[in-house]
Structures are given as C-alpha cells and as structure tokens.
Amino acid sequence: MKTLRGWTAVLGAALALLALPPGPEAFTARIGQPAPEITGGPWINSEPLSMEKLRGRVVVVEFWTYG
C-alpha cells in the first residue's frame, strides 16, 4: 500500500508540473521569423508543397505517432 501511495504522489507531482504554463520564451522564440519548411510525408491530395507555394493559405498540419 505504501508503494501505491508513493507512485500516486509522484504521478500527482508530474501532472502538476505539466499543468504549469510554459515560460514566455516558448511563445517569443519564433515571432517575426519565417516558418521552417515542412518536411516529411506523405502529402495527401497534392504533391509536396514548399512554404512559398503555401504563402497566404490556411494550412492544417496533422501529426501522428505510433508507439
């Protein structure tokens, strides 16, 4: 039972740290900088496009991970 309480405390502390908002540097690092090129794939319903071809358009990027 002590082990379960210990793990609960550790999990609670980790969740509390994750709930903290990121520092201001997380939001100011790329302001005023051009977006990096989008690499990877596959592209669905089009050929791969460069940032120049996407300029002025709304772009949805969906990230998937398996693991």
Protein backbone atom coordinates (compact mmCIF):
# COMPACT_ATOMS: atom_id res chain seq x y z
CA MET A 1 0.00 0.00 0.00
CA LYS A 2 2.91 2.36 0.71
CA THR A 3 4.23 1.80 -2.80
CA LEU A 4 0.88 2.75 -4.32
CA ARG A 5 0.77 5.97 -2.27
CA GLY A 6 4.34 6.75 -3.34
CA TRP A 7 3.54 6.30 -7.02
CA THR A 8 0.37 8.34 -6.63
CA ALA A 9 2.40 11.18 -5.15
CA VAL A 10 4.96 11.01 -7.95
CA LEU A 11 2.22 10.96 -10.60
CA GLY A 12 0.45 13.87 -8.93
CA ALA A 13 3.66 15.92 -8.85
CA ALA A 14 4.35 15.15 -12.52
CA LEU A 15 0.84 16.18 -13.53
CA ALA A 16 1.14 19.39 -11.51
CA LEU A 17 4.36 20.26 -13.37
CA LEU A 18 2.72 19.56 -16.71
CA ALA A 19 -0.19 21.84 -15.80
CA LEU A 20 2.11 24.83 -15.36
CA PRO A 21 2.02 27.23 -18.29
CA PRO A 22 5.21 27.40 -20.37
CA GLY A 23 7.54 30.32 -19.85
CA PRO A 24 7.37 33.41 -22.09
CA GLU A 25 10.35 32.19 -24.13
CA ALA A 26 8.17 29.40 -25.53
CA PHE A 27 5.98 31.99 -27.24
CA THR A 28 8.59 34.52 -28.35
CA ALA A 29 11.20 32.24 -29.87
CA ARG A 30 9.80 32.31 -33.44
CA ILE A 31 7.91 35.65 -33.53
CA GLY A 32 8.96 37.57 -36.61
CA GLN A 33 10.84 34.58 -38.04
CA PRO A 34 9.77 32.73 -41.19
CA ALA A 35 8.20 29.33 -40.66
CA PRO A 36 10.53 26.38 -41.27
CA GLU A 37 9.97 24.18 -44.31
CA ILE A 38 7.54 21.33 -43.76
CA THR A 39 9.35 18.05 -44.29
CA GLY A 40 8.14 14.50 -44.14
CA GLY A 41 5.10 12.96 -45.62
CA PRO A 42 3.03 11.63 -47.06
CA TRP A 43 1.17 14.57 -48.51
CA ILE A 44 -2.49 13.73 -49.09
CA ASN A 45 -4.36 15.01 -52.17
CA SER A 46 -1.42 17.02 -53.55
CA GLU A 47 2.25 16.89 -54.36
CA PRO A 48 4.61 18.16 -51.63
CA LEU A 49 4.42 21.95 -51.44
CA SER A 50 7.03 24.46 -50.30
CA MET A 51 6.37 27.26 -47.84
CA GLU A 52 6.45 29.69 -50.76
CA LYS A 53 3.60 27.84 -52.51
CA LEU A 54 1.61 27.81 -49.24
CA ARG A 55 2.06 31.53 -48.52
CA GLY A 56 -1.28 33.23 -47.83
CA ARG A 57 -3.19 29.98 -47.38
CA VAL A 58 -4.62 28.33 -44.30
CA VAL A 59 -2.61 25.16 -43.64
CA VAL A 60 -3.64 22.26 -41.40
CA VAL A 61 -0.79 20.05 -40.26
CA GLU A 62 -1.76 16.79 -38.57
CA PHE A 63 0.88 14.87 -36.63
CA TRP A 64 0.57 11.15 -35.98
CA THR A 65 2.72 8.93 -33.86
CA TYR A 66 2.65 5.24 -33.23
CA GLY A 67 4.02 3.97 -30.03
